[in-house]
N, C-alpha and C. Protein backbone atom coordinates (compact mmCIF):
# COMPACT_ATOMS: atom_id res chain seq x y z
N MET A 1 19.78 -51.37 -9.34
CA MET A 1 19.09 -50.24 -9.94
C MET A 1 17.71 -50.65 -10.44
N THR A 2 17.58 -51.84 -10.96
CA THR A 2 16.30 -52.27 -11.49
C THR A 2 15.29 -52.57 -10.39
N ARG A 3 15.75 -52.71 -9.15
CA ARG A 3 14.82 -52.97 -8.05
C ARG A 3 14.01 -51.73 -7.69
N PHE A 4 14.50 -50.56 -8.06
CA PHE A 4 13.83 -49.32 -7.67
C PHE A 4 13.08 -48.66 -8.82
N TRP A 5 12.71 -49.41 -9.83
CA TRP A 5 11.97 -48.87 -10.97
C TRP A 5 10.65 -48.24 -10.55
N TRP A 6 10.05 -48.72 -9.51
CA TRP A 6 8.76 -48.22 -9.05
C TRP A 6 8.86 -46.78 -8.52
N LEU A 7 10.07 -46.36 -8.07
CA LEU A 7 10.25 -44.97 -7.62
C LEU A 7 10.04 -43.99 -8.77
N VAL A 8 10.44 -44.40 -9.96
CA VAL A 8 10.25 -43.54 -11.13
C VAL A 8 8.76 -43.30 -11.35
N LEU A 9 7.97 -44.36 -11.23
CA LEU A 9 6.53 -44.22 -11.39
C LEU A 9 5.92 -43.37 -10.28
N LEU A 10 6.39 -43.59 -9.06
CA LEU A 10 5.86 -42.84 -7.92
C LEU A 10 6.13 -41.34 -8.07
N PHE A 11 7.38 -40.98 -8.34
CA PHE A 11 7.71 -39.56 -8.50
C PHE A 11 7.10 -38.98 -9.76
N GLY A 12 6.99 -39.77 -10.79
CA GLY A 12 6.35 -39.32 -12.02
C GLY A 12 4.88 -38.98 -11.82
N ALA A 13 4.20 -39.75 -10.95
CA ALA A 13 2.79 -39.48 -10.66
C ALA A 13 2.62 -38.37 -9.64
N ALA A 14 3.59 -38.25 -8.70
CA ALA A 14 3.47 -37.26 -7.64
C ALA A 14 3.78 -35.84 -8.13
N ALA A 15 4.66 -35.69 -9.10
CA ALA A 15 5.05 -34.35 -9.56
C ALA A 15 3.88 -33.54 -10.10
N PRO A 16 3.03 -34.07 -10.98
CA PRO A 16 1.90 -33.26 -11.46
C PRO A 16 0.92 -32.91 -10.34
N VAL A 17 0.71 -33.83 -9.41
CA VAL A 17 -0.19 -33.55 -8.29
C VAL A 17 0.37 -32.41 -7.44
N ALA A 18 1.68 -32.45 -7.19
CA ALA A 18 2.31 -31.39 -6.41
C ALA A 18 2.23 -30.05 -7.13
N LEU A 19 2.41 -30.05 -8.43
CA LEU A 19 2.32 -28.80 -9.20
C LEU A 19 0.91 -28.22 -9.16
N VAL A 20 -0.09 -29.08 -9.26
CA VAL A 20 -1.48 -28.61 -9.18
C VAL A 20 -1.76 -28.03 -7.80
N ALA A 21 -1.26 -28.67 -6.75
CA ALA A 21 -1.47 -28.18 -5.38
C ALA A 21 -0.80 -26.82 -5.18
N VAL A 22 0.42 -26.66 -5.67
CA VAL A 22 1.13 -25.39 -5.54
C VAL A 22 0.41 -24.29 -6.31
N ARG A 23 -0.05 -24.60 -7.52
CA ARG A 23 -0.77 -23.62 -8.33
C ARG A 23 -2.07 -23.19 -7.64
N ALA A 24 -2.79 -24.15 -7.05
CA ALA A 24 -4.03 -23.84 -6.35
C ALA A 24 -3.76 -22.96 -5.13
N TRP A 25 -2.69 -23.29 -4.41
CA TRP A 25 -2.33 -22.48 -3.23
C TRP A 25 -1.99 -21.05 -3.64
N ALA A 26 -1.18 -20.90 -4.68
CA ALA A 26 -0.79 -19.56 -5.15
C ALA A 26 -2.00 -18.79 -5.65
N SER A 27 -2.90 -19.46 -6.36
CA SER A 27 -4.10 -18.80 -6.87
C SER A 27 -4.99 -18.34 -5.72
N ASN A 28 -5.15 -19.18 -4.72
CA ASN A 28 -5.97 -18.84 -3.56
C ASN A 28 -5.36 -17.66 -2.80
N ARG A 29 -4.05 -17.68 -2.65
CA ARG A 29 -3.37 -16.61 -1.93
C ARG A 29 -3.52 -15.27 -2.66
N SER A 30 -3.36 -15.27 -3.98
CA SER A 30 -3.50 -14.02 -4.73
C SER A 30 -4.95 -13.54 -4.70
N ALA A 31 -5.91 -14.45 -4.67
CA ALA A 31 -7.32 -14.06 -4.58
C ALA A 31 -7.60 -13.39 -3.24
N VAL A 32 -7.05 -13.94 -2.17
CA VAL A 32 -7.25 -13.36 -0.84
C VAL A 32 -6.61 -11.98 -0.77
N GLU A 33 -5.40 -11.82 -1.29
CA GLU A 33 -4.74 -10.52 -1.27
C GLU A 33 -5.50 -9.52 -2.13
N GLY A 34 -6.04 -9.97 -3.26
CA GLY A 34 -6.84 -9.09 -4.11
C GLY A 34 -8.11 -8.64 -3.42
N ALA A 35 -8.76 -9.55 -2.69
CA ALA A 35 -9.97 -9.19 -1.95
C ALA A 35 -9.66 -8.19 -0.86
N ARG A 36 -8.55 -8.37 -0.18
CA ARG A 36 -8.17 -7.41 0.88
C ARG A 36 -7.92 -6.03 0.29
N GLY A 37 -7.22 -5.99 -0.85
CA GLY A 37 -6.94 -4.71 -1.49
C GLY A 37 -8.22 -4.03 -1.95
N ALA A 38 -9.14 -4.81 -2.52
CA ALA A 38 -10.42 -4.25 -2.98
C ALA A 38 -11.21 -3.72 -1.80
N GLU A 39 -11.22 -4.48 -0.71
CA GLU A 39 -11.94 -4.06 0.48
C GLU A 39 -11.36 -2.76 1.03
N ARG A 40 -10.06 -2.67 1.07
CA ARG A 40 -9.39 -1.47 1.56
C ARG A 40 -9.73 -0.25 0.69
N GLU A 41 -9.70 -0.45 -0.62
CA GLU A 41 -10.04 0.64 -1.55
C GLU A 41 -11.48 1.12 -1.34
N LEU A 42 -12.41 0.17 -1.23
CA LEU A 42 -13.82 0.52 -1.07
C LEU A 42 -14.07 1.23 0.25
N LEU A 43 -13.48 0.73 1.33
CA LEU A 43 -13.69 1.36 2.63
C LEU A 43 -13.09 2.76 2.67
N GLY A 44 -11.97 2.95 2.00
CA GLY A 44 -11.38 4.29 1.92
C GLY A 44 -12.30 5.25 1.17
N ALA A 45 -12.88 4.79 0.07
CA ALA A 45 -13.80 5.63 -0.70
C ALA A 45 -15.06 5.92 0.11
N LEU A 46 -15.55 4.93 0.84
CA LEU A 46 -16.74 5.14 1.69
C LEU A 46 -16.44 6.14 2.80
N ARG A 47 -15.26 6.05 3.37
CA ARG A 47 -14.89 6.98 4.44
C ARG A 47 -14.87 8.41 3.90
N GLU A 48 -14.35 8.55 2.70
CA GLU A 48 -14.21 9.88 2.10
C GLU A 48 -15.54 10.45 1.61
N HIS A 49 -16.40 9.60 1.04
CA HIS A 49 -17.61 10.09 0.39
C HIS A 49 -18.91 9.77 1.13
N GLY A 50 -18.84 8.96 2.18
CA GLY A 50 -20.04 8.67 2.96
C GLY A 50 -20.85 7.51 2.45
N GLU A 51 -21.28 7.57 1.19
CA GLU A 51 -22.04 6.48 0.61
C GLU A 51 -21.70 6.36 -0.86
N LEU A 52 -21.85 5.14 -1.39
CA LEU A 52 -21.45 4.87 -2.77
C LEU A 52 -22.40 3.89 -3.44
N THR A 53 -22.56 4.07 -4.72
CA THR A 53 -23.17 3.02 -5.55
C THR A 53 -22.00 2.24 -6.14
N PRO A 54 -22.24 1.04 -6.65
CA PRO A 54 -21.13 0.31 -7.28
C PRO A 54 -20.47 1.08 -8.42
N THR A 55 -21.27 1.82 -9.18
CA THR A 55 -20.71 2.61 -10.28
C THR A 55 -19.80 3.71 -9.77
N ALA A 56 -20.24 4.41 -8.72
CA ALA A 56 -19.40 5.46 -8.14
C ALA A 56 -18.13 4.86 -7.56
N ALA A 57 -18.26 3.69 -6.93
CA ALA A 57 -17.08 3.02 -6.37
C ALA A 57 -16.09 2.67 -7.48
N ALA A 58 -16.60 2.25 -8.62
CA ALA A 58 -15.72 1.92 -9.75
C ALA A 58 -15.01 3.16 -10.28
N MET A 59 -15.66 4.31 -10.21
CA MET A 59 -15.02 5.55 -10.67
C MET A 59 -13.96 6.03 -9.68
N LEU A 60 -14.14 5.72 -8.39
CA LEU A 60 -13.22 6.22 -7.36
C LEU A 60 -12.10 5.25 -7.01
N THR A 61 -12.22 4.01 -7.44
CA THR A 61 -11.22 2.99 -7.12
C THR A 61 -10.78 2.31 -8.41
N PRO A 62 -9.74 1.49 -8.34
CA PRO A 62 -9.32 0.77 -9.54
C PRO A 62 -10.19 -0.44 -9.86
N LEU A 63 -11.26 -0.66 -9.13
CA LEU A 63 -12.13 -1.81 -9.34
C LEU A 63 -13.10 -1.57 -10.49
N THR A 64 -13.57 -2.66 -11.10
CA THR A 64 -14.63 -2.55 -12.10
C THR A 64 -15.97 -2.47 -11.37
N VAL A 65 -17.02 -2.13 -12.08
CA VAL A 65 -18.34 -2.04 -11.47
C VAL A 65 -18.74 -3.39 -10.90
N THR A 66 -18.48 -4.45 -11.63
CA THR A 66 -18.84 -5.80 -11.18
C THR A 66 -18.09 -6.16 -9.90
N GLU A 67 -16.78 -5.89 -9.87
CA GLU A 67 -15.99 -6.18 -8.67
C GLU A 67 -16.47 -5.34 -7.49
N ALA A 68 -16.74 -4.06 -7.73
CA ALA A 68 -17.21 -3.18 -6.66
C ALA A 68 -18.55 -3.68 -6.13
N ALA A 69 -19.48 -4.03 -7.02
CA ALA A 69 -20.79 -4.50 -6.60
C ALA A 69 -20.67 -5.78 -5.78
N LYS A 70 -19.83 -6.70 -6.25
CA LYS A 70 -19.65 -7.97 -5.55
C LYS A 70 -19.08 -7.73 -4.14
N ASN A 71 -18.05 -6.90 -4.04
CA ASN A 71 -17.41 -6.66 -2.74
C ASN A 71 -18.30 -5.85 -1.81
N LEU A 72 -18.99 -4.84 -2.33
CA LEU A 72 -19.90 -4.06 -1.49
C LEU A 72 -21.05 -4.93 -0.99
N GLY A 73 -21.60 -5.78 -1.88
CA GLY A 73 -22.67 -6.69 -1.48
C GLY A 73 -22.21 -7.65 -0.39
N ARG A 74 -21.01 -8.19 -0.55
CA ARG A 74 -20.47 -9.11 0.46
C ARG A 74 -20.29 -8.41 1.81
N LEU A 75 -19.74 -7.20 1.79
CA LEU A 75 -19.56 -6.45 3.04
C LEU A 75 -20.90 -6.13 3.69
N ALA A 76 -21.93 -5.86 2.89
CA ALA A 76 -23.26 -5.59 3.44
C ALA A 76 -23.87 -6.86 4.02
N ARG A 77 -23.72 -7.98 3.32
CA ARG A 77 -24.25 -9.25 3.84
C ARG A 77 -23.57 -9.65 5.14
N GLU A 78 -22.29 -9.34 5.26
CA GLU A 78 -21.55 -9.67 6.48
C GLU A 78 -21.84 -8.69 7.61
N GLY A 79 -22.61 -7.64 7.34
CA GLY A 79 -23.00 -6.69 8.37
C GLY A 79 -22.05 -5.53 8.58
N HIS A 80 -21.10 -5.35 7.67
CA HIS A 80 -20.14 -4.25 7.81
C HIS A 80 -20.63 -2.95 7.20
N LEU A 81 -21.58 -3.03 6.27
CA LEU A 81 -22.11 -1.84 5.61
C LEU A 81 -23.63 -1.88 5.67
N ASP A 82 -24.23 -0.70 5.55
CA ASP A 82 -25.68 -0.58 5.40
C ASP A 82 -25.97 -0.44 3.91
N ALA A 83 -26.98 -1.16 3.43
CA ALA A 83 -27.39 -1.06 2.03
C ALA A 83 -28.79 -0.49 1.98
N GLY A 84 -29.04 0.39 1.03
CA GLY A 84 -30.36 0.98 0.85
C GLY A 84 -30.58 1.29 -0.62
N PHE A 85 -31.77 1.82 -0.92
CA PHE A 85 -32.10 2.16 -2.30
C PHE A 85 -32.36 3.66 -2.40
N ARG A 86 -31.83 4.26 -3.46
CA ARG A 86 -32.10 5.66 -3.75
C ARG A 86 -32.11 5.82 -5.26
N ASP A 87 -33.16 6.40 -5.76
CA ASP A 87 -33.31 6.64 -7.21
C ASP A 87 -33.11 5.36 -8.02
N GLY A 88 -33.60 4.24 -7.51
CA GLY A 88 -33.53 2.98 -8.23
C GLY A 88 -32.17 2.30 -8.18
N SER A 89 -31.24 2.81 -7.40
CA SER A 89 -29.91 2.21 -7.30
C SER A 89 -29.65 1.77 -5.87
N VAL A 90 -28.85 0.74 -5.73
CA VAL A 90 -28.42 0.29 -4.41
C VAL A 90 -27.31 1.22 -3.95
N VAL A 91 -27.44 1.73 -2.74
CA VAL A 91 -26.45 2.64 -2.17
C VAL A 91 -25.90 1.99 -0.91
N TYR A 92 -24.59 1.97 -0.79
CA TYR A 92 -23.93 1.39 0.38
C TYR A 92 -23.30 2.50 1.21
N ALA A 93 -23.37 2.35 2.52
CA ALA A 93 -22.79 3.34 3.43
C ALA A 93 -22.22 2.63 4.64
N LEU A 94 -21.28 3.30 5.30
CA LEU A 94 -20.77 2.78 6.56
C LEU A 94 -21.89 2.78 7.59
N ARG A 95 -21.86 1.83 8.50
CA ARG A 95 -22.86 1.80 9.57
C ARG A 95 -22.71 3.05 10.43
N GLU A 96 -23.78 3.46 11.05
CA GLU A 96 -23.79 4.69 11.84
C GLU A 96 -22.68 4.68 12.90
N ARG A 97 -22.52 3.57 13.58
CA ARG A 97 -21.51 3.49 14.64
C ARG A 97 -20.11 3.71 14.08
N ASP A 98 -19.83 3.14 12.91
CA ASP A 98 -18.51 3.30 12.29
C ASP A 98 -18.30 4.74 11.82
N ARG A 99 -19.35 5.35 11.30
CA ARG A 99 -19.24 6.76 10.87
C ARG A 99 -18.92 7.66 12.04
N LEU A 100 -19.59 7.42 13.18
CA LEU A 100 -19.33 8.24 14.36
C LEU A 100 -17.92 8.03 14.87
N THR A 101 -17.45 6.81 14.83
CA THR A 101 -16.09 6.52 15.28
C THR A 101 -15.08 7.27 14.44
N LEU A 102 -15.31 7.36 13.13
CA LEU A 102 -14.38 8.04 12.26
C LEU A 102 -14.46 9.55 12.36
N SER A 103 -15.64 10.08 12.70
CA SER A 103 -15.80 11.53 12.71
C SER A 103 -15.43 12.16 14.04
N GLU A 104 -15.44 11.40 15.12
CA GLU A 104 -15.12 11.96 16.43
C GLU A 104 -13.63 11.85 16.70
N PRO A 105 -13.05 12.86 17.35
CA PRO A 105 -11.64 12.75 17.71
C PRO A 105 -11.49 11.72 18.83
N PRO A 106 -10.31 11.13 18.98
CA PRO A 106 -10.10 10.18 20.05
C PRO A 106 -10.40 10.81 21.41
N ALA A 107 -10.81 10.00 22.37
CA ALA A 107 -11.25 10.48 23.68
C ALA A 107 -10.19 11.31 24.37
N GLU A 108 -8.93 10.90 24.29
CA GLU A 108 -7.88 11.66 24.99
C GLU A 108 -7.70 13.05 24.40
N ILE A 109 -8.05 13.23 23.13
CA ILE A 109 -7.96 14.56 22.51
C ILE A 109 -9.25 15.33 22.77
N ALA A 110 -10.39 14.67 22.69
CA ALA A 110 -11.68 15.34 22.85
C ALA A 110 -11.85 15.88 24.27
N ASP A 111 -11.22 15.23 25.26
CA ASP A 111 -11.38 15.67 26.64
C ASP A 111 -10.60 16.94 26.96
N ARG A 112 -9.61 17.23 26.17
CA ARG A 112 -8.80 18.43 26.43
C ARG A 112 -9.58 19.68 26.06
N ASN A 113 -9.33 20.74 26.81
CA ASN A 113 -9.95 22.02 26.50
C ASN A 113 -9.02 22.91 25.69
N GLU A 114 -7.80 22.45 25.48
CA GLU A 114 -6.84 23.26 24.75
C GLU A 114 -6.92 22.96 23.25
N PRO A 115 -6.56 23.93 22.42
CA PRO A 115 -6.60 23.68 20.97
C PRO A 115 -5.53 22.67 20.57
N LEU A 116 -5.79 21.99 19.47
CA LEU A 116 -4.85 21.02 18.96
C LEU A 116 -3.66 21.72 18.34
N ARG A 117 -2.47 21.19 18.60
CA ARG A 117 -1.25 21.73 18.01
C ARG A 117 -0.66 20.67 17.09
N PRO A 118 -0.12 21.10 15.98
CA PRO A 118 0.51 20.09 15.12
C PRO A 118 1.72 19.48 15.81
N THR A 119 1.95 18.21 15.57
CA THR A 119 3.11 17.57 16.17
C THR A 119 4.34 17.98 15.38
N PRO A 120 5.42 18.25 16.07
CA PRO A 120 6.62 18.66 15.36
C PRO A 120 7.18 17.50 14.54
N ALA A 121 7.74 17.83 13.40
CA ALA A 121 8.33 16.80 12.55
C ALA A 121 9.58 16.26 13.22
N ARG A 122 9.78 14.95 13.05
CA ARG A 122 10.99 14.35 13.61
C ARG A 122 12.20 14.91 12.89
N THR A 123 13.27 15.01 13.60
CA THR A 123 14.51 15.46 12.99
C THR A 123 15.41 14.25 12.77
N LEU A 124 16.41 14.45 11.97
CA LEU A 124 17.33 13.37 11.67
C LEU A 124 18.31 13.18 12.81
N GLY A 125 18.61 11.93 13.13
CA GLY A 125 19.61 11.64 14.15
C GLY A 125 20.98 12.01 13.65
N GLU A 126 21.22 11.80 12.37
CA GLU A 126 22.51 12.11 11.74
C GLU A 126 22.22 12.92 10.48
N PRO A 127 22.73 14.13 10.37
CA PRO A 127 22.41 14.96 9.20
C PRO A 127 23.03 14.41 7.92
N LEU A 128 22.41 14.76 6.80
CA LEU A 128 22.93 14.35 5.50
C LEU A 128 24.09 15.25 5.10
N SER A 129 25.09 14.66 4.47
CA SER A 129 26.22 15.45 3.97
C SER A 129 25.78 16.21 2.72
N GLY A 130 26.60 17.13 2.28
CA GLY A 130 26.30 17.88 1.06
C GLY A 130 26.18 16.98 -0.16
N GLN A 131 27.07 15.99 -0.26
CA GLN A 131 27.03 15.06 -1.39
C GLN A 131 25.76 14.20 -1.33
N GLU A 132 25.36 13.78 -0.13
CA GLU A 132 24.15 12.99 0.03
C GLU A 132 22.92 13.80 -0.34
N LEU A 133 22.91 15.08 0.02
CA LEU A 133 21.79 15.96 -0.36
C LEU A 133 21.71 16.11 -1.88
N ALA A 134 22.88 16.24 -2.52
CA ALA A 134 22.91 16.36 -3.98
C ALA A 134 22.36 15.08 -4.62
N VAL A 135 22.76 13.94 -4.09
CA VAL A 135 22.25 12.66 -4.60
C VAL A 135 20.75 12.58 -4.38
N LEU A 136 20.29 12.99 -3.20
CA LEU A 136 18.87 12.95 -2.87
C LEU A 136 18.05 13.82 -3.81
N GLU A 137 18.54 15.01 -4.14
CA GLU A 137 17.82 15.89 -5.07
C GLU A 137 17.71 15.26 -6.46
N LEU A 138 18.78 14.59 -6.88
CA LEU A 138 18.73 13.93 -8.19
C LEU A 138 17.82 12.69 -8.14
N LEU A 139 17.75 12.02 -6.99
CA LEU A 139 16.78 10.93 -6.82
C LEU A 139 15.37 11.47 -6.98
N ALA A 140 15.13 12.64 -6.39
CA ALA A 140 13.81 13.25 -6.47
C ALA A 140 13.46 13.62 -7.91
N ASP A 141 14.46 13.91 -8.70
CA ASP A 141 14.24 14.23 -10.12
C ASP A 141 14.04 12.98 -10.96
N GLY A 142 14.18 11.80 -10.33
CA GLY A 142 13.96 10.55 -11.04
C GLY A 142 15.17 10.02 -11.77
N CYS A 143 16.35 10.50 -11.42
CA CYS A 143 17.57 10.06 -12.09
C CYS A 143 17.98 8.66 -11.63
N THR A 144 18.57 7.92 -12.55
CA THR A 144 19.13 6.61 -12.22
C THR A 144 20.49 6.80 -11.58
N ASN A 145 21.04 5.73 -11.01
CA ASN A 145 22.38 5.82 -10.41
C ASN A 145 23.41 6.25 -11.45
N ARG A 146 23.28 5.74 -12.66
CA ARG A 146 24.22 6.08 -13.72
C ARG A 146 24.14 7.58 -14.05
N GLU A 147 22.92 8.12 -14.15
CA GLU A 147 22.75 9.55 -14.44
C GLU A 147 23.28 10.41 -13.30
N ILE A 148 23.04 9.97 -12.07
CA ILE A 148 23.56 10.72 -10.91
C ILE A 148 25.08 10.75 -10.96
N ALA A 149 25.69 9.60 -11.24
CA ALA A 149 27.15 9.51 -11.31
C ALA A 149 27.69 10.45 -12.38
N GLN A 150 27.03 10.50 -13.54
CA GLN A 150 27.48 11.38 -14.62
C GLN A 150 27.34 12.85 -14.23
N ARG A 151 26.23 13.20 -13.60
CA ARG A 151 26.00 14.62 -13.26
C ARG A 151 26.92 15.10 -12.14
N LEU A 152 27.23 14.22 -11.20
CA LEU A 152 28.07 14.62 -10.06
C LEU A 152 29.54 14.27 -10.26
N PHE A 153 29.87 13.65 -11.40
CA PHE A 153 31.23 13.26 -11.72
C PHE A 153 31.83 12.35 -10.65
N ILE A 154 31.06 11.33 -10.27
CA ILE A 154 31.52 10.34 -9.31
C ILE A 154 31.22 8.94 -9.86
N ALA A 155 31.80 7.93 -9.27
CA ALA A 155 31.58 6.56 -9.71
C ALA A 155 30.20 6.07 -9.30
N GLN A 156 29.66 5.11 -10.06
CA GLN A 156 28.35 4.55 -9.72
C GLN A 156 28.38 3.87 -8.35
N GLY A 157 29.49 3.25 -8.01
CA GLY A 157 29.62 2.63 -6.70
C GLY A 157 29.51 3.66 -5.58
N THR A 158 30.05 4.84 -5.81
CA THR A 158 29.95 5.92 -4.83
C THR A 158 28.51 6.38 -4.70
N VAL A 159 27.82 6.44 -5.83
CA VAL A 159 26.39 6.82 -5.80
C VAL A 159 25.62 5.80 -4.97
N LYS A 160 25.87 4.52 -5.20
CA LYS A 160 25.18 3.47 -4.44
C LYS A 160 25.45 3.61 -2.95
N ALA A 161 26.69 3.93 -2.60
CA ALA A 161 27.03 4.11 -1.18
C ALA A 161 26.29 5.30 -0.60
N HIS A 162 26.20 6.40 -1.36
CA HIS A 162 25.47 7.58 -0.88
C HIS A 162 23.98 7.28 -0.73
N VAL A 163 23.41 6.56 -1.70
CA VAL A 163 21.98 6.21 -1.63
C VAL A 163 21.73 5.34 -0.39
N ALA A 164 22.60 4.37 -0.15
CA ALA A 164 22.44 3.51 1.03
C ALA A 164 22.53 4.33 2.31
N SER A 165 23.43 5.29 2.34
CA SER A 165 23.58 6.15 3.51
C SER A 165 22.34 7.03 3.71
N VAL A 166 21.80 7.54 2.61
CA VAL A 166 20.58 8.36 2.68
C VAL A 166 19.43 7.52 3.23
N TYR A 167 19.27 6.29 2.72
CA TYR A 167 18.22 5.39 3.20
C TYR A 167 18.36 5.17 4.71
N ARG A 168 19.59 4.90 5.14
CA ARG A 168 19.84 4.64 6.56
C ARG A 168 19.51 5.85 7.42
N LYS A 169 19.97 7.01 7.01
CA LYS A 169 19.76 8.22 7.80
C LYS A 169 18.29 8.66 7.82
N LEU A 170 17.59 8.44 6.71
CA LEU A 170 16.17 8.81 6.66
C LEU A 170 15.26 7.69 7.16
N GLU A 171 15.87 6.53 7.44
CA GLU A 171 15.12 5.35 7.93
C GLU A 171 14.04 4.93 6.94
N VAL A 172 14.45 4.76 5.68
CA VAL A 172 13.54 4.35 4.61
C VAL A 172 14.14 3.17 3.86
N HIS A 173 13.34 2.61 2.92
CA HIS A 173 13.80 1.43 2.19
C HIS A 173 13.65 1.56 0.68
N SER A 174 13.22 2.71 0.19
CA SER A 174 13.08 2.87 -1.26
C SER A 174 13.30 4.33 -1.64
N ARG A 175 13.46 4.55 -2.93
CA ARG A 175 13.66 5.91 -3.44
C ARG A 175 12.43 6.78 -3.16
N ALA A 176 11.26 6.21 -3.40
CA ALA A 176 10.03 6.98 -3.19
C ALA A 176 9.88 7.37 -1.73
N GLU A 177 10.18 6.44 -0.82
CA GLU A 177 10.10 6.76 0.60
C GLU A 177 11.13 7.84 0.97
N ALA A 178 12.32 7.73 0.40
CA ALA A 178 13.37 8.71 0.70
C ALA A 178 12.95 10.11 0.26
N VAL A 179 12.39 10.20 -0.94
CA VAL A 179 11.96 11.51 -1.45
C VAL A 179 10.82 12.06 -0.60
N SER A 180 9.85 11.22 -0.27
CA SER A 180 8.72 11.65 0.55
C SER A 180 9.18 12.13 1.92
N ARG A 181 10.05 11.36 2.55
CA ARG A 181 10.54 11.71 3.88
C ARG A 181 11.36 13.00 3.82
N ALA A 182 12.18 13.15 2.78
CA ALA A 182 12.99 14.35 2.63
C ALA A 182 12.11 15.58 2.45
N LYS A 183 11.01 15.44 1.72
CA LYS A 183 10.08 16.57 1.55
C LYS A 183 9.39 16.90 2.87
N ASP A 184 9.03 15.85 3.65
CA ASP A 184 8.42 16.09 4.95
C ASP A 184 9.36 16.85 5.88
N LEU A 185 10.67 16.59 5.76
CA LEU A 185 11.65 17.24 6.61
C LEU A 185 12.18 18.53 5.99
N ASP A 186 11.63 18.95 4.86
CA ASP A 186 12.06 20.15 4.14
C ASP A 186 13.53 20.12 3.75
N LEU A 187 14.01 18.94 3.41
CA LEU A 187 15.39 18.81 2.96
C LEU A 187 15.49 19.13 1.47
N ILE A 188 14.40 18.87 0.76
CA ILE A 188 14.36 19.18 -0.68
C ILE A 188 13.02 19.84 -0.95
N GLY A 189 12.94 20.57 -2.08
CA GLY A 189 11.73 21.29 -2.42
C GLY A 189 10.75 20.52 -3.21
């Protein structure tokens, strides 16, 4: 046992280095995801409003003015946005080519001479039972499994089974998705 005393020193020195490396990796990853989210927010606001100042971007997105200015400036430097001045403020806008791409219908639709028709909503492969519909309506009201069980006079395990069945039939993975999909299909009001 005394021959391997040096392993204690080796692992003792390696552990803090490994922790610093993991922390740096996690920090870098969250920064990249944050930048992507900020970029997505800004581009959505630009698509909707045409042009933005950093202050307007901060009002329309969850970003601060500083974050909006930094991200808009970076996108302009990279050539993704046009930057200009109006009334003493920097104004950012989508490039002309990108604006045209967003405003024109796709070629396969633009070439048709017939009017556009809404696409029919998908129907369910397997309809929801009456009990599943009741559970779904209570989900839409924001009830917990326990509250649903109390209101419908059934066990919580039964509620969980109904919720799982609703998810499967609606092809969703969360309560919010289930409620949204059910409203799209006019299953609930």
